[in-house]
Amino acid sequence: MKMDVEKYSVQPGKKIALKNWPTKGKPLYDSKKDFEKRLDEYVEELIELQQLHYAATGPALLLIFQGMDASGKDGVVKHVMSGINPQGFQVYSFKQPSEEERKHDFLWRTTRCLPERGRIGIFNRSYYEEVLVVKVHPEFLLGQGLTEKQDDGTSIWKNRYESIVNFEEHLSRNGTRVVKFFLHLSKDEQRKQFLERIDDPAKNWKFNPADVQERALWDQYQEAYEDCLSATSTKNAPWYIIPADDRYNARLIVARVVLDLMKSLKLEYPQTTEKRREELQAIRKLL
């Protein structure tokens, strides 16, 4: 089944309304068995491409995942990136900033974790929390010694969007490809996921009572995401809005986007020079 992933991308400069973006699309699989087969095929391709990417020391790849609580970020990372060689792969999950991190600019703690060339880095939440959670809870700015209005009278959110766009453009110019995924979950599906975490003893550890408090701010979060996605989706660092009510679909879509990205790099294994070939043959005789 051919998949047009561009229909999930946010066009640069376009103001979006999340109510116009579906949280559940037409299934891209016929059954659970068919889903598993398709995902396995994608993962096999990813494994081969990641090996090539690592060997060729290709551009660093940074994949950012954002979404409401229970939107399936962990599951996407676990299933799509299963089998990837850990030598060329790293995952960072960002929770509430520490006291030390709050004393630095909002990009500091994530910048330290950027992937090297030839490696794939995943941010499960990221510096975008500073224009999402902090925007919904502006009182958090006080802990950073800041307020919503800057000294020149401009909005801190406008300035932070600009800083993010400039930062990601800097990364692009210096050998890092950035792709961002917003897992678009419905409020009803979030409720279902929360109830499963409460009712299933094996999932109790996933449930945080604070998540219910944040759920009460659903509309504010949706508005914050709309502003963020509209302001920071660019040609070199696009956002993809992934329908997340169907977790199988979400995993297939993300896998396809990553595959297309890696194929677009058009990498090749390093060429063996004649001198190197002679060295290898000499070593071979010693074996």
Protein backbone atom coordinates (compact mmCIF):
# COMPACT_ATOMS: atom_id res chain seq x y z
CA MET A 1 0.00 0.00 0.00
CA LYS A 2 1.60 3.24 -1.18
CA MET A 3 1.68 5.99 1.42
CA ASP A 4 1.76 9.73 0.77
CA VAL A 5 3.47 11.03 3.90
CA GLU A 6 3.44 14.63 2.72
CA LYS A 7 -0.24 14.93 3.56
CA TYR A 8 0.80 14.74 7.21
CA SER A 9 3.34 17.55 6.96
CA VAL A 10 2.75 21.12 8.13
CA GLN A 11 3.52 23.53 5.32
CA PRO A 12 5.89 26.35 6.33
CA GLY A 13 4.11 29.58 7.19
CA LYS A 14 0.67 27.95 7.27
CA LYS A 15 -1.53 28.66 10.28
CA ILE A 16 -3.10 25.39 11.37
CA ALA A 17 -6.17 24.43 13.39
CA LEU A 18 -5.84 20.98 14.93
CA LYS A 19 -9.59 20.40 14.73
CA ASN A 20 -9.08 20.14 10.95
CA TRP A 21 -6.46 17.41 11.32
CA PRO A 22 -7.78 13.89 11.98
CA THR A 23 -6.68 11.92 15.02
CA LYS A 24 -7.60 8.66 13.27
CA GLY A 25 -7.31 7.96 9.56
CA LYS A 26 -8.12 5.06 7.26
CA PRO A 27 -6.16 1.97 8.39
CA LEU A 28 -3.00 1.36 6.39
CA TYR A 29 -3.17 -2.36 7.15
CA ASP A 30 -5.78 -5.12 6.77
CA SER A 31 -5.28 -6.92 10.07
CA LYS A 32 -2.93 -7.08 13.04
CA LYS A 33 -0.92 -9.74 11.20
CA ASP A 34 -0.72 -7.50 8.13
CA PHE A 35 0.39 -4.56 10.31
CA GLU A 36 3.16 -6.65 11.85
CA LYS A 37 4.31 -7.79 8.41
CA ARG A 38 4.40 -4.24 7.05
CA LEU A 39 6.19 -2.87 10.09
CA ASP A 40 8.73 -5.70 9.98
CA GLU A 41 9.47 -4.83 6.35
CA TYR A 42 9.97 -1.17 7.24
CA VAL A 43 12.21 -2.05 10.18
CA GLU A 44 14.35 -4.34 8.00
CA GLU A 45 14.84 -1.49 5.53
CA LEU A 46 15.67 0.89 8.37
CA ILE A 47 18.28 -1.49 9.75
CA GLU A 48 20.03 -1.67 6.37
CA LEU A 49 19.86 2.09 5.83
CA GLN A 50 21.08 2.83 9.35
CA GLN A 51 24.09 0.58 8.83
CA LEU A 52 24.89 2.45 5.62
CA HIS A 53 24.30 5.78 7.36
CA TYR A 54 26.72 4.85 10.15
CA ALA A 55 29.39 3.50 7.78
CA ALA A 56 29.21 6.53 5.51
CA THR A 57 29.17 8.99 8.44
CA GLY A 58 26.11 10.60 6.92
CA PRO A 59 24.39 13.72 8.24
CA ALA A 60 23.25 13.45 11.84
CA LEU A 61 19.52 12.74 12.06
CA LEU A 62 17.47 14.25 14.88
CA LEU A 63 13.91 12.91 15.29
CA ILE A 64 11.76 14.84 17.75
CA PHE A 65 8.55 13.42 19.23
CA GLN A 66 5.96 15.56 20.97
CA GLY A 67 2.39 14.86 22.01
CA MET A 68 -0.09 14.88 24.83
CA ASP A 69 0.28 12.35 27.65
CA ALA A 70 -0.55 8.79 26.46
CA SER A 71 -0.18 9.71 22.79
CA GLY A 72 2.15 6.75 22.22
CA LYS A 73 5.58 8.38 21.91
CA ASP A 74 7.38 5.57 23.74
CA GLY A 75 5.62 2.90 21.68
CA VAL A 76 6.52 4.52 18.38
CA VAL A 77 10.19 4.75 19.33
CA LYS A 78 10.22 1.17 20.66
CA HIS A 79 8.57 -0.45 17.65
CA VAL A 80 9.85 1.63 14.76
CA MET A 81 13.46 1.66 15.90
CA SER A 82 13.59 -1.95 17.09
CA GLY A 83 16.65 -3.75 15.81
CA ILE A 84 18.61 -0.58 15.11
CA ASN A 85 22.30 -0.95 15.99
CA PRO A 86 22.84 0.94 19.28
CA GLN A 87 26.26 2.09 18.01
CA GLY A 88 24.52 4.51 15.67
CA PHE A 89 21.44 5.33 17.69
CA GLN A 90 20.60 7.25 20.88
CA VAL A 91 17.40 8.21 22.71
CA TYR A 92 16.89 10.98 25.25
CA SER A 93 13.70 11.58 27.22
CA PHE A 94 13.35 15.03 28.74
CA LYS A 95 11.31 15.45 31.91
CA GLN A 96 11.04 18.51 34.13
CA PRO A 97 14.26 20.55 33.99
CA SER A 98 16.64 20.38 36.91
CA GLU A 99 17.69 23.41 38.93
CA GLU A 100 20.97 23.53 36.99
CA GLU A 101 19.12 23.39 33.65
CA ARG A 102 16.76 26.19 34.65
CA LYS A 103 19.78 28.45 35.18
CA HIS A 104 20.72 28.15 31.50
CA ASP A 105 18.95 29.23 28.32
CA PHE A 106 16.06 26.96 27.28
CA LEU A 107 18.04 25.23 24.51
CA TRP A 108 21.02 24.33 26.68
CA ARG A 109 20.03 20.96 28.11
CA THR A 110 18.99 19.46 24.78
CA THR A 111 21.90 20.90 22.80
CA ARG A 112 24.27 18.77 24.88
CA CYS A 113 22.47 15.65 23.62
CA LEU A 114 22.53 16.28 19.87
CA PRO A 115 23.58 13.29 17.71
CA GLU A 116 26.93 13.10 15.96
CA ARG A 117 27.23 12.69 12.20
CA GLY A 118 26.50 9.12 11.24
CA ARG A 119 24.11 8.70 14.18
CA ILE A 120 20.36 8.92 14.71
CA GLY A 121 19.20 10.85 17.77
CA ILE A 122 15.69 10.75 19.20
CA PHE A 123 14.27 13.34 21.56
CA ASN A 124 11.20 12.06 23.41
CA ARG A 125 9.95 15.53 24.30
CA SER A 126 12.47 18.29 23.72
CA TYR A 127 13.14 22.02 23.83
CA TYR A 128 9.61 22.39 22.47
CA GLU A 129 8.35 21.80 26.01
CA GLU A 130 9.46 25.39 26.64
CA VAL A 131 6.79 26.73 24.27
CA LEU A 132 4.18 24.11 25.21
CA VAL A 133 4.10 23.17 28.89
CA VAL A 134 5.68 26.45 29.93
CA LYS A 135 3.25 28.42 27.77
CA VAL A 136 0.31 26.67 29.44
CA HIS A 137 2.01 27.23 32.82
CA PRO A 138 3.71 30.63 32.44
CA GLU A 139 4.42 30.63 36.18
CA PHE A 140 7.28 28.24 35.36
CA LEU A 141 9.08 31.19 33.80
CA LEU A 142 9.62 32.67 37.25
CA GLY A 143 11.94 29.76 38.07
CA GLN A 144 13.99 30.80 35.04
CA GLY A 145 14.09 34.42 36.12
CA LEU A 146 11.86 35.41 33.19
CA THR A 147 8.41 36.79 32.44
CA GLU A 148 6.07 36.51 29.45
CA LYS A 149 7.06 39.97 28.27
CA GLN A 150 10.70 40.61 27.40
CA ASP A 151 12.52 43.79 28.38
CA ASP A 152 11.83 45.24 24.93
CA GLY A 153 8.12 44.53 25.31
CA THR A 154 7.99 41.58 22.90
CA SER A 155 6.38 38.24 23.73
CA ILE A 156 8.75 35.60 25.04
CA TRP A 157 6.86 33.01 22.96
CA LYS A 158 7.45 34.87 19.70
CA ASN A 159 11.12 35.20 20.59
CA ARG A 160 11.40 31.53 21.50
CA TYR A 161 9.80 30.41 18.23
CA GLU A 162 12.34 32.57 16.42
CA SER A 163 15.20 31.11 18.46
CA ILE A 164 14.04 27.57 17.67
CA VAL A 165 13.75 28.23 13.94
CA ASN A 166 17.20 29.84 13.88
CA PHE A 167 18.66 26.99 15.93
CA GLU A 168 17.24 24.31 13.64
CA GLU A 169 18.43 26.22 10.58
CA HIS A 170 21.90 26.33 12.14
CA LEU A 171 21.74 22.55 12.64
CA SER A 172 20.70 22.06 9.03
CA ARG A 173 23.59 24.17 7.73
CA ASN A 174 26.03 22.18 9.83
CA GLY A 175 25.13 18.61 8.96
CA THR A 176 22.08 17.70 11.07
CA ARG A 177 18.71 16.85 9.53
CA VAL A 178 15.76 17.56 11.83
CA VAL A 179 12.32 15.96 11.51
CA LYS A 180 9.57 16.51 14.08
CA PHE A 181 6.50 14.42 14.87
CA PHE A 182 3.41 15.58 16.74
CA LEU A 183 1.34 12.55 17.77
CA HIS A 184 -2.19 13.93 17.45
CA LEU A 185 -4.39 12.20 20.03
CA SER A 186 -8.08 12.81 20.71
CA LYS A 187 -9.30 13.59 24.20
CA ASP A 188 -11.52 10.49 24.16
CA GLU A 189 -8.60 8.24 23.24
CA GLN A 190 -6.47 9.76 25.99
CA ARG A 191 -9.23 8.92 28.50
CA LYS A 192 -9.26 5.33 27.21
CA GLN A 193 -5.48 5.05 27.60
CA PHE A 194 -5.58 6.50 31.13
CA LEU A 195 -8.30 4.01 32.15
CA GLU A 196 -6.21 1.13 30.80
CA ARG A 197 -3.27 2.31 32.90
CA ILE A 198 -5.48 2.32 35.98
CA ASP A 199 -7.26 -0.99 35.31
CA ASP A 200 -4.26 -3.04 34.17
CA PRO A 201 -1.86 -3.76 37.07
CA ALA A 202 0.99 -4.20 34.59
CA LYS A 203 0.44 -0.62 33.43
CA ASN A 204 -0.14 1.04 36.81
CA TRP A 205 3.43 2.32 36.85
CA LYS A 206 2.68 4.40 33.75
CA PHE A 207 -0.09 6.38 35.42
CA ASN A 208 0.73 9.71 36.99
CA PRO A 209 -2.12 11.53 38.80
CA ALA A 210 -0.62 14.82 37.57
CA ASP A 211 -1.58 13.75 34.03
CA VAL A 212 -5.25 14.17 34.96
CA GLN A 213 -4.57 17.72 36.12
CA GLU A 214 -2.93 18.49 32.78
CA ARG A 215 -5.87 16.90 30.95
CA ALA A 216 -8.11 19.59 32.46
CA LEU A 217 -6.03 22.08 30.44
CA TRP A 218 -6.61 20.24 27.14
CA ASP A 219 -7.85 23.28 25.20
CA GLN A 220 -4.91 25.41 26.30
CA TYR A 221 -2.49 22.70 25.19
CA GLN A 222 -4.20 22.37 21.81
CA GLU A 223 -3.84 26.12 21.29
CA ALA A 224 -0.19 26.01 22.34
CA TYR A 225 0.49 23.19 19.87
CA GLU A 226 -1.28 25.05 17.07
CA ASP A 227 0.85 28.15 17.62
CA CYS A 228 4.04 26.10 17.92
CA LEU A 229 3.48 23.93 14.84
CA SER A 230 2.47 26.92 12.75
CA ALA A 231 5.48 28.99 13.79
CA THR A 232 8.25 26.36 13.63
CA SER A 233 7.56 24.04 10.69
CA THR A 234 10.16 24.83 8.02
CA LYS A 235 11.51 23.26 4.86
CA ASN A 236 14.64 22.01 6.62
CA ALA A 237 12.93 21.05 9.89
CA PRO A 238 9.35 20.03 9.09
CA TRP A 239 6.60 19.00 11.47
CA TYR A 240 4.44 15.97 10.72
CA ILE A 241 1.05 15.68 12.42
CA ILE A 242 0.55 11.95 12.96
CA PRO A 243 -2.99 10.66 13.70
CA ALA A 244 -2.36 8.82 16.97
CA ASP A 245 -5.68 7.26 17.98
CA ASP A 246 -4.73 4.18 15.93
CA ARG A 247 -1.29 3.24 17.24
CA TYR A 248 -0.60 0.76 14.45
CA ASN A 249 -1.23 3.44 11.84
CA ALA A 250 0.94 5.96 13.72
CA ARG A 251 3.88 3.56 13.79
CA LEU A 252 3.60 2.79 10.08
CA ILE A 253 3.44 6.47 9.15
CA VAL A 254 6.44 7.44 11.29
CA ALA A 255 8.44 4.51 9.91
CA ARG A 256 7.64 5.59 6.35
CA VAL A 257 8.67 9.20 7.00
CA VAL A 258 12.00 8.09 8.50
CA LEU A 259 12.60 5.66 5.62
CA ASP A 260 11.94 8.35 3.03
CA LEU A 261 14.28 10.72 4.86
CA MET A 262 17.11 8.19 4.98
CA LYS A 263 16.66 7.23 1.33
CA SER A 264 16.78 10.89 0.33
CA LEU A 265 20.35 11.11 1.68
CA LYS A 266 21.54 8.90 -1.22
CA LEU A 267 24.49 7.58 0.76
CA GLU A 268 27.06 5.02 -0.41
CA TYR A 269 29.49 2.83 1.47
CA PRO A 270 33.01 4.29 1.58
CA GLN A 271 34.99 3.36 -1.53
CA THR A 272 38.07 1.19 -1.03
CA THR A 273 41.18 2.74 -2.55
CA GLU A 274 43.77 0.71 -4.44
CA LYS A 275 46.26 1.24 -1.62
CA ARG A 276 43.75 0.01 0.94
CA ARG A 277 42.94 -3.00 -1.22
CA GLU A 278 46.62 -3.92 -1.36
CA GLU A 279 46.85 -3.61 2.44
CA LEU A 280 43.87 -5.91 2.87
CA GLN A 281 45.33 -8.50 0.52
CA ALA A 282 48.62 -8.45 2.42
CA ILE A 283 46.77 -8.96 5.69
CA ARG A 284 44.74 -11.74 4.11
CA LYS A 285 47.92 -13.71 3.37
CA LEU A 286 48.75 -13.61 7.07
CA LEU A 287 45.47 -15.21 8.08
